[in-house]
C-alpha atoms as a PDB file:
ATOM      1  CA  MET A   1      -5.178  29.316 -21.212  1.00  0.00           C
ATOM      2  CA  ASN A   2      -6.799  26.656 -23.349  1.00  0.00           C
ATOM      3  CA  SER A   3      -9.416  24.548 -21.623  1.00  0.00           C
ATOM      4  CA  THR A   4      -9.684  20.936 -22.614  1.00  0.00           C
ATOM      5  CA  LEU A   5     -12.585  18.542 -22.344  1.00  0.00           C
ATOM      6  CA  ALA A   6     -10.247  15.595 -21.941  1.00  0.00           C
ATOM      7  CA  SER A   7     -11.795  14.550 -18.637  1.00  0.00           C
ATOM      8  CA  LEU A   8     -15.112  13.776 -20.329  1.00  0.00           C
ATOM      9  CA  ASN A   9     -13.820  10.292 -21.133  1.00  0.00           C
ATOM     10  CA  CYS A  10     -13.138   9.614 -17.451  1.00  0.00           C
ATOM     11  CA  THR A  11     -16.051   8.145 -15.507  1.00  0.00           C
ATOM     12  CA  THR A  12     -17.341  10.520 -12.839  1.00  0.00           C
ATOM     13  CA  PRO A  13     -18.653   8.792  -9.705  1.00  0.00           C
ATOM     14  CA  SER A  14     -22.223   9.348  -8.543  1.00  0.00           C
ATOM     15  CA  GLU A  15     -21.318  12.035  -5.943  1.00  0.00           C
ATOM     16  CA  VAL A  16     -23.461  10.462  -3.222  1.00  0.00           C
ATOM     17  CA  TYR A  17     -20.785  10.891  -0.535  1.00  0.00           C
ATOM     18  CA  THR A  18     -18.235  13.185  -2.155  1.00  0.00           C
ATOM     19  CA  THR A  19     -18.669  15.944  -4.739  1.00  0.00           C
ATOM     20  CA  LYS A  20     -16.434  16.648  -7.694  1.00  0.00           C
ATOM     21  CA  GLU A  21     -15.680  20.057  -6.181  1.00  0.00           C
ATOM     22  CA  MET A  22     -14.379  18.428  -2.989  1.00  0.00           C
ATOM     23  CA  VAL A  23     -12.193  16.017  -4.954  1.00  0.00           C
ATOM     24  CA  ILE A  24     -10.763  18.716  -7.218  1.00  0.00           C
ATOM     25  CA  ASN A  25     -10.046  20.980  -4.263  1.00  0.00           C
ATOM     26  CA  GLN A  26      -8.399  18.163  -2.312  1.00  0.00           C
ATOM     27  CA  PHE A  27      -6.341  16.450  -5.004  1.00  0.00           C
ATOM     28  CA  ALA A  28      -5.853  18.878  -7.877  1.00  0.00           C
ATOM     29  CA  LEU A  29      -5.797  22.282  -6.221  1.00  0.00           C
ATOM     30  CA  ASN A  30      -4.555  21.207  -2.769  1.00  0.00           C
ATOM     31  CA  ASN A  31      -7.225  23.346  -1.069  1.00  0.00           C
ATOM     32  CA  GLY A  32      -8.982  20.521   0.747  1.00  0.00           C
ATOM     33  CA  ASN A  33      -9.321  19.186   4.228  1.00  0.00           C
ATOM     34  CA  ALA A  34      -6.670  16.626   5.121  1.00  0.00           C
ATOM     35  CA  ASN A  35      -9.384  14.485   6.752  1.00  0.00           C
ATOM     36  CA  TRP A  36     -11.739  14.740   3.784  1.00  0.00           C
ATOM     37  CA  GLY A  37     -12.546  11.014   3.602  1.00  0.00           C
ATOM     38  CA  ASP A  38     -13.055  10.321   7.297  1.00  0.00           C
ATOM     39  CA  TRP A  39     -16.829  10.498   7.012  1.00  0.00           C
ATOM     40  CA  CYS A  40     -16.809   7.076   5.354  1.00  0.00           C
ATOM     41  CA  TYR A  41     -16.151   5.722   8.842  1.00  0.00           C
ATOM     42  CA  GLU A  42     -18.696   7.985  10.514  1.00  0.00           C
ATOM     43  CA  VAL A  43     -21.804   6.878   8.605  1.00  0.00           C
ATOM     44  CA  ASP A  44     -24.617   4.910  10.216  1.00  0.00           C
ATOM     45  CA  THR A  45     -24.057   1.441   8.756  1.00  0.00           C
ATOM     46  CA  GLN A  46     -21.251  -0.767   7.530  1.00  0.00           C
ATOM     47  CA  GLU A  47     -23.049  -0.932   4.170  1.00  0.00           C
ATOM     48  CA  GLU A  48     -22.902   2.859   3.861  1.00  0.00           C
ATOM     49  CA  SER A  49     -19.258   2.858   4.898  1.00  0.00           C
ATOM     50  CA  SER A  50     -18.464   0.311   2.192  1.00  0.00           C
ATOM     51  CA  ALA A  51     -20.413   2.282  -0.424  1.00  0.00           C
ATOM     52  CA  CYS A  52     -18.646   5.491   0.587  1.00  0.00           C
ATOM     53  CA  THR A  53     -15.230   3.829   0.409  1.00  0.00           C
ATOM     54  CA  LYS A  54     -16.111   2.387  -3.006  1.00  0.00           C
ATOM     55  CA  GLU A  55     -17.032   5.861  -4.225  1.00  0.00           C
ATOM     56  CA  LEU A  56     -13.737   7.287  -2.903  1.00  0.00           C
ATOM     57  CA  ASN A  57     -11.885   4.574  -4.828  1.00  0.00           C
ATOM     58  CA  GLN A  58     -13.832   5.571  -7.945  1.00  0.00           C
ATOM     59  CA  TRP A  59     -12.779   9.175  -7.349  1.00  0.00           C
ATOM     60  CA  ASP A  60      -9.153   8.045  -7.126  1.00  0.00           C
ATOM     61  CA  ALA A  61      -9.532   6.396 -10.537  1.00  0.00           C
ATOM     62  CA  TRP A  62     -11.214   9.536 -11.917  1.00  0.00           C
ATOM     63  CA  VAL A  63      -8.356  11.739 -10.690  1.00  0.00           C
ATOM     64  CA  ASP A  64      -5.736   9.396 -12.196  1.00  0.00           C
ATOM     65  CA  CYS A  65      -7.582   9.330 -15.524  1.00  0.00           C
ATOM     66  CA  THR A  66      -8.232  13.077 -15.568  1.00  0.00           C
ATOM     67  CA  ASP A  67      -4.638  13.917 -14.616  1.00  0.00           C
ATOM     68  CA  SER A  68      -3.336  11.718 -17.404  1.00  0.00           C
ATOM     69  CA  LYS A  69      -5.675  13.184 -20.013  1.00  0.00           C
ATOM     70  CA  PHE A  70      -5.023  16.777 -18.954  1.00  0.00           C
ATOM     71  CA  GLU A  71      -1.245  16.246 -18.889  1.00  0.00           C
ATOM     72  CA  THR A  72      -1.276  14.646 -22.341  1.00  0.00           C
ATOM     73  CA  SER A  73      -3.467  17.395 -23.767  1.00  0.00           C
ATOM     74  CA  CYS A  74      -1.391  20.166 -22.200  1.00  0.00           C
ATOM     75  CA  LYS A  75       1.897  18.661 -23.427  1.00  0.00           C
ATOM     76  CA  GLU A  76       0.504  18.300 -26.946  1.00  0.00           C
ATOM     77  CA  TRP A  77      -0.713  21.892 -26.873  1.00  0.00           C
ATOM     78  CA  ALA A  78       2.665  23.150 -25.592  1.00  0.00           C
ATOM     79  CA  ASP A  79       4.502  21.217 -28.296  1.00  0.00           C
ATOM     80  CA  LYS A  80       2.164  22.414 -31.041  1.00  0.00           C
ATOM     81  CA  GLU A  81       2.359  26.065 -29.987  1.00  0.00           C
ATOM     82  CA  GLY A  82       6.041  26.030 -28.959  1.00  0.00           C
ATOM     83  CA  PHE A  83       5.323  27.291 -25.442  1.00  0.00           C
ATOM     84  CA  ALA A  84       8.438  25.824 -23.857  1.00  0.00           C
ATOM     85  CA  SER A  85      12.089  25.950 -24.818  1.00  0.00           C
ATOM     86  CA  THR A  86      13.366  23.836 -21.914  1.00  0.00           C
ATOM     87  CA  GLU A  87      12.085  20.818 -20.015  1.00  0.00           C
ATOM     88  CA  ARG A  88      11.652  22.995 -16.933  1.00  0.00           C
ATOM     89  CA  GLU A  89       9.493  25.498 -18.843  1.00  0.00           C
ATOM     90  CA  LEU A  90       7.463  22.626 -20.283  1.00  0.00           C
ATOM     91  CA  ASN A  91       6.860  21.127 -16.840  1.00  0.00           C
ATOM     92  CA  GLU A  92       5.850  24.506 -15.404  1.00  0.00           C
ATOM     93  CA  PHE A  93       3.500  25.146 -18.308  1.00  0.00           C
ATOM     94  CA  VAL A  94       1.907  21.698 -18.059  1.00  0.00           C
ATOM     95  CA  GLU A  95       1.438  22.050 -14.302  1.00  0.00           C
ATOM     96  CA  LYS A  96      -0.305  25.410 -14.748  1.00  0.00           C
ATOM     97  CA  CYS A  97      -2.356  24.136 -17.684  1.00  0.00           C
ATOM     98  CA  VAL A  98      -3.576  21.097 -15.716  1.00  0.00           C
ATOM     99  CA  LYS A  99      -4.527  23.310 -12.766  1.00  0.00           C
ATOM    100  CA  VAL A 100      -6.504  25.675 -15.020  1.00  0.00           C
ATOM    101  CA  ASN A 101      -8.325  22.737 -16.592  1.00  0.00           C
ATOM    102  CA  TYR A 102      -9.367  21.493 -13.135  1.00  0.00           C
ATOM    103  CA  GLU A 103     -10.449  24.995 -12.146  1.00  0.00           C
ATOM    104  CA  ASN A 104     -12.599  25.135 -15.286  1.00  0.00           C
ATOM    105  CA  LEU A 105     -14.384  21.974 -14.147  1.00  0.00           C
ATOM    106  CA  LEU A 106     -15.541  23.892 -11.068  1.00  0.00           C
ATOM    107  CA  ASP A 107     -17.370  26.512 -13.124  1.00  0.00           C
END
């Protein structure tokens, strides 16, 4: 499956409190821990808690941006190559394509 570099235009947070791998596993691949962000409340200071929460918000923005770019790229690729004859096939292809693109970011 084609890998896209569409997410390069999305700003990646600093990964001080949360890694890209954790975010991808949690939000894109649904392999994460349901309590993945709780440590923002378990840090030593309120300042750290605020910084951690800010980073998690930046990750939310990164996921939204990356999802949008991957979906657009995958739809354009499907249209160009004629991979789908129905809307259902298109949606299934795009879902798989987006997942593969996230998996490629883990490599």
